[in-house]
Amino acid sequence: MAVIHHTTMTPTKLELLTAWLPTRPWYVGAAGEPELAKAGGFRLDDPEGEVGIEVMVVTDTSGERPVSYLVPLSYRSAPLDGAEQAVVGTSEHGVLGKRWIHDGTHDPVVVGQLLALAQGRAEAQAQSVSDAPDPSVTGRFTGAGVSTEVASLAVTDGVDGTDVVVETVADEDPASELTLRVTVTRVLPSPQRQTPPVDPTSPRGEITAGWQLPDGSEHRAPFVLIGDAEH
């Protein structure tokens, strides 16, 4: 179960994201520095216990209207091999020491656990409380089960979000070896911005969760959509 260390991180995650978000093609804020606050999210467990996984929602209030972004993150004790472009930054954790924080769409452990969550093979954990499942996060998956061991990832950031083409490694069932497209909704819908996420081809499943806007209103939407990759 996810263990939350109530300690310091220097710089903080929000400070790192303040610099990183405006560099993304899906960032819709105005020029200048965003003003970010945590607005929701959840954690997932790494079965091997090595990688911290957080699916975070941050809201930017620097513009005329608040905009909420979805940012899956992984926390590692060393940089992920071959994923230099995915490093959000490094931070000194008060308990665990130096941590490399990555955009989780590039991390096979994160993507594998998102597939597990959609299939009911993993359970979302509360964002800020240890050993506390979050039943408000729901998954749906149709068809035969898919392996959660990732062989390769191909990540494409676009103006509408992030597409991840995933090749899975077969488990005891050879049919579990598939190529899927995982679509991460980056800009979440709001009363002022009801932009639906881009549907993948032949959608198989989704992960849905909630977040809160600065006015206290609660919202839910698909965070992740899963479909067959185009051939």
Protein backbone atom coordinates (compact mmCIF):
# COMPACT_ATOMS: atom_id res chain seq x y z
CA MET A 1 0.00 0.00 0.00
CA ALA A 2 1.15 3.54 -0.73
CA VAL A 3 3.14 5.12 2.11
CA ILE A 4 3.02 8.91 2.32
CA HIS A 5 6.01 10.61 3.94
CA HIS A 6 4.89 13.89 5.48
CA THR A 7 8.15 15.72 4.91
CA THR A 8 9.69 18.39 2.72
CA MET A 9 10.61 18.38 -0.95
CA THR A 10 13.00 21.03 -2.22
CA PRO A 11 12.02 22.32 -4.71
CA THR A 12 8.38 21.36 -4.32
CA LYS A 13 6.41 19.51 -6.97
CA LEU A 14 4.37 22.62 -7.69
CA GLU A 15 7.53 24.68 -8.15
CA LEU A 16 8.87 22.16 -10.66
CA LEU A 17 5.55 22.00 -12.51
CA THR A 18 5.36 25.80 -12.66
CA ALA A 19 8.45 25.78 -14.87
CA TRP A 20 7.61 22.58 -16.77
CA LEU A 21 3.95 23.02 -17.72
CA PRO A 22 4.43 26.03 -20.07
CA THR A 23 6.87 23.95 -22.13
CA ARG A 24 4.17 21.40 -23.03
CA PRO A 25 2.29 21.62 -26.36
CA TRP A 26 -1.02 21.03 -24.57
CA TYR A 27 -0.54 23.94 -22.16
CA VAL A 28 -3.27 26.52 -22.82
CA GLY A 29 -2.27 29.25 -20.36
CA ALA A 30 -1.20 32.73 -21.31
CA ALA A 31 2.40 33.84 -21.47
CA GLY A 32 3.96 34.16 -18.06
CA GLU A 33 4.23 31.94 -15.03
CA PRO A 34 1.23 29.80 -14.05
CA GLU A 35 -0.14 30.01 -10.51
CA LEU A 36 -0.66 26.39 -9.54
CA ALA A 37 -2.50 24.65 -6.73
CA LYS A 38 -3.21 20.97 -6.16
CA ALA A 39 -6.78 20.17 -7.15
CA GLY A 40 -7.01 16.39 -6.86
CA GLY A 41 -5.49 13.10 -7.87
CA PHE A 42 -4.52 9.71 -6.49
CA ARG A 43 -1.58 7.36 -6.11
CA LEU A 44 -0.80 3.87 -7.34
CA ASP A 45 1.52 1.24 -5.92
CA ASP A 46 4.51 -0.09 -7.82
CA PRO A 47 4.37 -3.89 -7.37
CA GLU A 48 8.16 -3.87 -6.97
CA GLY A 49 8.09 -1.06 -4.42
CA GLU A 50 10.72 1.01 -6.23
CA VAL A 51 8.81 3.75 -8.06
CA GLY A 52 6.47 6.30 -6.53
CA ILE A 53 3.40 6.93 -8.71
CA GLU A 54 1.12 9.94 -8.40
CA VAL A 55 -1.61 11.02 -10.80
CA MET A 56 -1.96 14.71 -9.96
CA VAL A 57 -4.39 17.43 -10.96
CA VAL A 58 -3.13 21.01 -10.71
CA THR A 59 -5.20 24.10 -11.41
CA ASP A 60 -3.72 27.28 -12.89
CA THR A 61 -5.45 30.44 -11.69
CA SER A 62 -3.21 32.96 -13.44
CA GLY A 63 -5.66 33.62 -16.29
CA GLU A 64 -9.19 34.90 -16.48
CA ARG A 65 -10.54 31.40 -15.83
CA PRO A 66 -9.00 28.49 -13.92
CA VAL A 67 -7.57 25.65 -16.03
CA SER A 68 -6.97 22.19 -14.57
CA TYR A 69 -4.21 19.94 -15.91
CA LEU A 70 -3.66 16.22 -15.41
CA VAL A 71 -0.05 15.26 -14.71
CA PRO A 72 0.90 11.63 -13.99
CA LEU A 73 4.26 11.61 -12.23
CA SER A 74 6.81 9.01 -11.25
CA TYR A 75 9.37 9.40 -8.48
CA ARG A 76 12.62 7.47 -8.81
CA SER A 77 15.94 7.28 -6.98
CA ALA A 78 17.77 7.57 -10.33
CA PRO A 79 16.82 8.87 -13.77
CA LEU A 80 14.84 6.50 -15.97
CA ASP A 81 17.13 5.11 -18.67
CA GLY A 82 16.44 6.56 -22.12
CA ALA A 83 13.84 9.04 -20.85
CA GLU A 84 15.86 12.20 -20.38
CA GLN A 85 13.15 14.19 -22.19
CA ALA A 86 10.62 13.05 -19.57
CA VAL A 87 12.41 14.51 -16.53
CA VAL A 88 10.29 17.22 -14.91
CA GLY A 89 13.08 17.96 -12.44
CA THR A 90 14.90 16.72 -9.37
CA SER A 91 13.99 17.35 -5.76
CA GLU A 92 15.53 16.63 -2.38
CA HIS A 93 13.09 14.53 -0.37
CA GLY A 94 13.39 14.84 3.41
CA VAL A 95 13.25 11.06 3.93
CA LEU A 96 14.20 9.43 0.62
CA GLY A 97 16.91 11.81 -0.56
CA LYS A 98 17.30 12.96 -4.14
CA ARG A 99 14.36 12.02 -6.35
CA TRP A 100 14.05 12.23 -10.13
CA ILE A 101 10.54 13.27 -11.07
CA HIS A 102 9.37 12.14 -14.51
CA ASP A 103 6.35 12.73 -16.70
CA GLY A 104 4.64 9.42 -15.98
CA THR A 105 3.45 8.91 -19.55
CA HIS A 106 7.06 7.97 -20.39
CA ASP A 107 7.46 5.58 -17.44
CA PRO A 108 6.59 1.93 -18.12
CA VAL A 109 5.80 1.30 -14.45
CA VAL A 110 3.23 4.11 -14.42
CA VAL A 111 1.63 3.05 -17.69
CA GLY A 112 1.52 -0.59 -16.59
CA GLN A 113 -0.26 0.33 -13.36
CA LEU A 114 -2.76 2.50 -15.22
CA LEU A 115 -3.59 -0.55 -17.34
CA ALA A 116 -3.91 -2.59 -14.15
CA LEU A 117 -6.21 0.01 -12.58
CA ALA A 118 -8.52 0.06 -15.60
CA GLN A 119 -8.79 -3.75 -15.43
CA GLY A 120 -9.44 -3.86 -11.68
CA ARG A 121 -6.04 -5.44 -11.02
CA ALA A 122 -4.76 -2.43 -9.07
CA GLU A 123 -6.47 -0.12 -6.59
CA ALA A 124 -6.16 3.66 -6.49
CA GLN A 125 -4.78 5.04 -3.24
CA ALA A 126 -5.54 8.35 -1.54
CA GLN A 127 -3.21 11.11 -2.63
CA SER A 128 -2.12 12.28 0.84
CA VAL A 129 -2.98 9.45 3.29
CA SER A 130 -1.04 6.20 3.75
CA ASP A 131 -2.77 2.83 3.31
CA ALA A 132 -6.06 4.41 2.25
CA PRO A 133 -7.77 3.19 -0.93
CA ASP A 134 -9.65 5.81 -2.96
CA PRO A 135 -12.88 4.19 -4.20
CA SER A 136 -13.89 7.37 -6.04
CA VAL A 137 -11.39 6.45 -8.78
CA THR A 138 -13.04 3.96 -11.12
CA GLY A 139 -11.77 1.82 -13.97
CA ARG A 140 -13.50 0.07 -16.84
CA PHE A 141 -12.13 -2.41 -19.35
CA THR A 142 -13.87 -4.65 -21.87
CA GLY A 143 -12.64 -7.75 -23.59
CA ALA A 144 -9.86 -10.12 -22.61
CA GLY A 145 -7.37 -9.08 -19.97
CA VAL A 146 -4.20 -7.30 -21.01
CA SER A 147 -0.75 -7.80 -19.55
CA THR A 148 0.44 -4.93 -17.37
CA GLU A 149 4.10 -5.58 -18.15
CA VAL A 150 5.22 -2.99 -20.69
CA ALA A 151 7.71 -3.90 -23.42
CA SER A 152 7.89 -0.49 -25.09
CA LEU A 153 6.31 2.96 -25.12
CA ALA A 154 5.98 5.56 -27.88
CA VAL A 155 4.77 8.89 -26.50
CA THR A 156 3.28 11.72 -28.56
CA ASP A 157 2.37 15.04 -26.96
CA GLY A 158 -0.17 17.04 -28.95
CA VAL A 159 -2.30 20.10 -28.39
CA ASP A 160 -5.19 17.88 -27.22
CA GLY A 161 -3.28 15.65 -24.82
CA THR A 162 -0.80 12.78 -24.76
CA ASP A 163 -1.04 9.52 -26.71
CA VAL A 164 1.02 6.55 -25.56
CA VAL A 165 1.34 3.53 -27.85
CA VAL A 166 2.07 0.61 -25.55
CA GLU A 167 3.36 -2.84 -26.41
CA THR A 168 2.66 -5.27 -23.59
CA VAL A 169 4.53 -8.45 -22.71
CA ALA A 170 2.46 -11.64 -22.75
CA ASP A 171 1.83 -13.29 -19.39
CA GLU A 172 0.49 -16.85 -19.10
CA ASP A 173 -2.09 -16.00 -21.76
CA PRO A 174 -0.44 -15.24 -25.14
CA ALA A 175 -3.46 -13.12 -26.07
CA SER A 176 -2.44 -10.63 -23.36
CA GLU A 177 0.39 -9.41 -25.61
CA LEU A 178 -1.14 -6.44 -27.40
CA THR A 179 -0.41 -3.00 -28.78
CA LEU A 180 -2.68 -0.41 -27.21
CA ARG A 181 -3.11 3.33 -27.28
CA VAL A 182 -3.42 5.03 -23.91
CA THR A 183 -4.76 8.57 -24.21
CA VAL A 184 -4.12 10.87 -21.24
CA THR A 185 -6.47 13.85 -20.93
CA ARG A 186 -4.19 16.76 -20.15
CA VAL A 187 -6.60 19.73 -20.00
CA LEU A 188 -9.60 18.67 -17.95
CA PRO A 189 -13.07 19.95 -18.81
CA SER A 190 -14.64 22.71 -16.73
CA PRO A 191 -17.91 24.66 -16.89
CA GLN A 192 -16.13 27.17 -19.11
CA ARG A 193 -14.14 24.61 -21.10
CA GLN A 194 -16.09 21.49 -21.99
CA THR A 195 -13.53 20.06 -24.39
CA PRO A 196 -13.91 16.26 -24.48
CA PRO A 197 -10.80 14.11 -24.57
CA VAL A 198 -9.79 12.63 -27.88
CA ASP A 199 -11.20 9.11 -28.17
CA PRO A 200 -8.70 6.41 -29.09
CA THR A 201 -9.51 3.92 -31.82
CA SER A 202 -11.89 1.15 -30.68
CA PRO A 203 -12.00 2.24 -27.03
CA ARG A 204 -11.61 -0.64 -24.62
CA GLY A 205 -11.63 1.15 -21.30
CA GLU A 206 -11.12 4.23 -19.19
CA ILE A 207 -10.12 5.57 -15.79
CA THR A 208 -12.39 8.21 -14.29
CA ALA A 209 -11.70 10.39 -11.26
CA GLY A 210 -12.58 13.74 -9.75
CA TRP A 211 -11.01 17.07 -8.86
CA GLN A 212 -12.04 20.36 -7.28
CA LEU A 213 -12.06 23.86 -8.76
CA PRO A 214 -11.11 26.94 -6.69
CA ASP A 215 -14.80 27.78 -6.15
CA GLY A 216 -15.24 24.43 -4.37
CA SER A 217 -17.21 22.74 -7.14
CA GLU A 218 -16.49 19.06 -7.72
CA HIS A 219 -16.01 17.61 -11.20
CA ARG A 220 -15.43 14.16 -12.69
CA ALA A 221 -14.21 13.12 -16.12
CA PRO A 222 -12.22 10.37 -17.84
CA PHE A 223 -8.55 10.88 -17.00
CA VAL A 224 -7.33 8.05 -19.25
CA LEU A 225 -8.86 6.30 -22.26
CA ILE A 226 -7.56 2.98 -23.57
CA GLY A 227 -8.04 1.60 -27.07
CA ASP A 228 -6.48 -0.56 -29.74
CA ALA A 229 -3.59 1.10 -31.52
CA GLU A 230 -3.97 1.85 -35.19
CA HIS A 231 -1.98 -0.45 -37.43
